[in-house]
Amino acid sequence: MDIREIFAKNLRLARQAKGLSQEELAHRADIDRTYISSLERCVYSPSIEVLDRLAQALGVDPADLIKRSDDS
C-alpha cells in the first residue's frame, strides 16, 4: 500500500470513528466536500497544510493520518 492509499484509509477510518460525514469534516476543516471525497478515493494527495487542518478537525495527530497500520 502506498502513502496515498494509507492516508485515504486512515482519513476515512478517523472520520467514521468520529461519526462525521464528509460534508461535516469539510466544514470543520474549511475544505470543499468534493476534495474530501477525492482524498478518500486516492485521487489527490493533500498538502501538508491540508493534512494539518484535517488532523485538527478530527482531533488526531497529523502523523496518525499517514501512519501504516499492522495490516498495511
C-alpha atoms as a PDB file:
ATOM      1  CA  MET A   1       0.000   0.000   0.000  1.00  0.00           C
ATOM      2  CA  ASP A   2       1.457   3.380  -0.966  1.00  0.00           C
ATOM      3  CA  ILE A   3       1.328   6.506   1.189  1.00  0.00           C
ATOM      4  CA  ARG A   4      -1.676   7.933  -0.652  1.00  0.00           C
ATOM      5  CA  GLU A   5      -3.675   4.750  -0.029  1.00  0.00           C
ATOM      6  CA  ILE A   6      -2.612   4.683   3.625  1.00  0.00           C
ATOM      7  CA  PHE A   7      -3.672   8.309   4.064  1.00  0.00           C
ATOM      8  CA  ALA A   8      -7.022   7.688   2.326  1.00  0.00           C
ATOM      9  CA  LYS A   9      -7.764   4.668   4.512  1.00  0.00           C
ATOM     10  CA  ASN A  10      -6.736   6.437   7.738  1.00  0.00           C
ATOM     11  CA  LEU A  11      -8.719   9.558   6.844  1.00  0.00           C
ATOM     12  CA  ARG A  12     -11.870   7.541   6.165  1.00  0.00           C
ATOM     13  CA  LEU A  13     -11.472   5.468   9.346  1.00  0.00           C
ATOM     14  CA  ALA A  14     -10.813   8.545  11.522  1.00  0.00           C
ATOM     15  CA  ARG A  15     -13.779  10.392  10.024  1.00  0.00           C
ATOM     16  CA  GLN A  16     -16.101   7.441  10.534  1.00  0.00           C
ATOM     17  CA  ALA A  17     -14.813   6.852  14.080  1.00  0.00           C
ATOM     18  CA  LYS A  18     -15.820  10.430  14.923  1.00  0.00           C
ATOM     19  CA  GLY A  19     -19.222   9.891  13.322  1.00  0.00           C
ATOM     20  CA  LEU A  20     -18.654  12.672  10.787  1.00  0.00           C
ATOM     21  CA  SER A  21     -19.926  12.889   7.249  1.00  0.00           C
ATOM     22  CA  GLN A  22     -17.575  14.078   4.542  1.00  0.00           C
ATOM     23  CA  GLU A  23     -19.584  17.291   4.487  1.00  0.00           C
ATOM     24  CA  GLU A  24     -19.198  17.897   8.232  1.00  0.00           C
ATOM     25  CA  LEU A  25     -15.464  17.185   8.125  1.00  0.00           C
ATOM     26  CA  ALA A  26     -15.102  19.514   5.159  1.00  0.00           C
ATOM     27  CA  HIS A  27     -16.925  22.260   7.055  1.00  0.00           C
ATOM     28  CA  ARG A  28     -14.769  21.815  10.172  1.00  0.00           C
ATOM     29  CA  ALA A  29     -11.532  21.817   8.152  1.00  0.00           C
ATOM     30  CA  ASP A  30     -12.678  24.584   5.781  1.00  0.00           C
ATOM     31  CA  ILE A  31     -12.165  22.311   2.763  1.00  0.00           C
ATOM     32  CA  ASP A  32     -14.560  21.523  -0.073  1.00  0.00           C
ATOM     33  CA  ARG A  33     -16.546  18.299   0.436  1.00  0.00           C
ATOM     34  CA  THR A  34     -15.677  17.019  -3.016  1.00  0.00           C
ATOM     35  CA  TYR A  35     -11.995  17.364  -2.124  1.00  0.00           C
ATOM     36  CA  ILE A  36     -12.529  15.174   0.966  1.00  0.00           C
ATOM     37  CA  SER A  37     -14.162  12.592  -1.273  1.00  0.00           C
ATOM     38  CA  SER A  38     -11.249  12.781  -3.717  1.00  0.00           C
ATOM     39  CA  LEU A  39      -8.741  12.344  -0.894  1.00  0.00           C
ATOM     40  CA  GLU A  40     -10.574   9.265   0.395  1.00  0.00           C
ATOM     41  CA  ARG A  41     -10.614   7.804  -3.133  1.00  0.00           C
ATOM     42  CA  CYS A  42      -6.865   8.429  -3.660  1.00  0.00           C
ATOM     43  CA  VAL A  43      -7.493  10.902  -6.475  1.00  0.00           C
ATOM     44  CA  TYR A  44      -5.372  13.597  -4.800  1.00  0.00           C
ATOM     45  CA  SER A  45      -2.679  13.810  -2.155  1.00  0.00           C
ATOM     46  CA  PRO A  46      -3.078  16.522   0.483  1.00  0.00           C
ATOM     47  CA  SER A  47      -0.647  19.344   1.056  1.00  0.00           C
ATOM     48  CA  ILE A  48       0.982  19.460   4.470  1.00  0.00           C
ATOM     49  CA  GLU A  49      -1.350  22.336   5.394  1.00  0.00           C
ATOM     50  CA  VAL A  50      -4.449  20.347   4.434  1.00  0.00           C
ATOM     51  CA  LEU A  51      -3.121  17.336   6.346  1.00  0.00           C
ATOM     52  CA  ASP A  52      -2.779  19.534   9.429  1.00  0.00           C
ATOM     53  CA  ARG A  53      -6.272  21.073   9.049  1.00  0.00           C
ATOM     54  CA  LEU A  54      -7.849  17.643   8.654  1.00  0.00           C
ATOM     55  CA  ALA A  55      -5.997  16.301  11.685  1.00  0.00           C
ATOM     56  CA  GLN A  56      -7.115  19.283  13.793  1.00  0.00           C
ATOM     57  CA  ALA A  57     -10.718  18.867  12.652  1.00  0.00           C
ATOM     58  CA  LEU A  58     -10.577  15.167  13.563  1.00  0.00           C
ATOM     59  CA  GLY A  59      -8.753  15.737  16.860  1.00  0.00           C
ATOM     60  CA  VAL A  60      -5.852  13.467  15.901  1.00  0.00           C
ATOM     61  CA  ASP A  61      -2.139  13.931  15.386  1.00  0.00           C
ATOM     62  CA  PRO A  62      -1.238  14.554  11.726  1.00  0.00           C
ATOM     63  CA  ALA A  63       1.130  11.573  11.873  1.00  0.00           C
ATOM     64  CA  ASP A  64      -1.852   9.328  12.662  1.00  0.00           C
ATOM     65  CA  LEU A  65      -3.252  10.045   9.210  1.00  0.00           C
ATOM     66  CA  ILE A  66      -0.151   8.773   7.435  1.00  0.00           C
ATOM     67  CA  LYS A  67       0.868   6.002   9.835  1.00  0.00           C
ATOM     68  CA  ARG A  68       0.963   2.456   8.476  1.00  0.00           C
ATOM     69  CA  SER A  69      -1.147   0.009  10.420  1.00  0.00           C
ATOM     70  CA  ASP A  70      -0.112  -3.589  11.029  1.00  0.00           C
ATOM     71  CA  ASP A  71      -2.209  -4.733   8.057  1.00  0.00           C
ATOM     72  CA  SER A  72      -0.915  -2.048   5.656  1.00  0.00           C
END
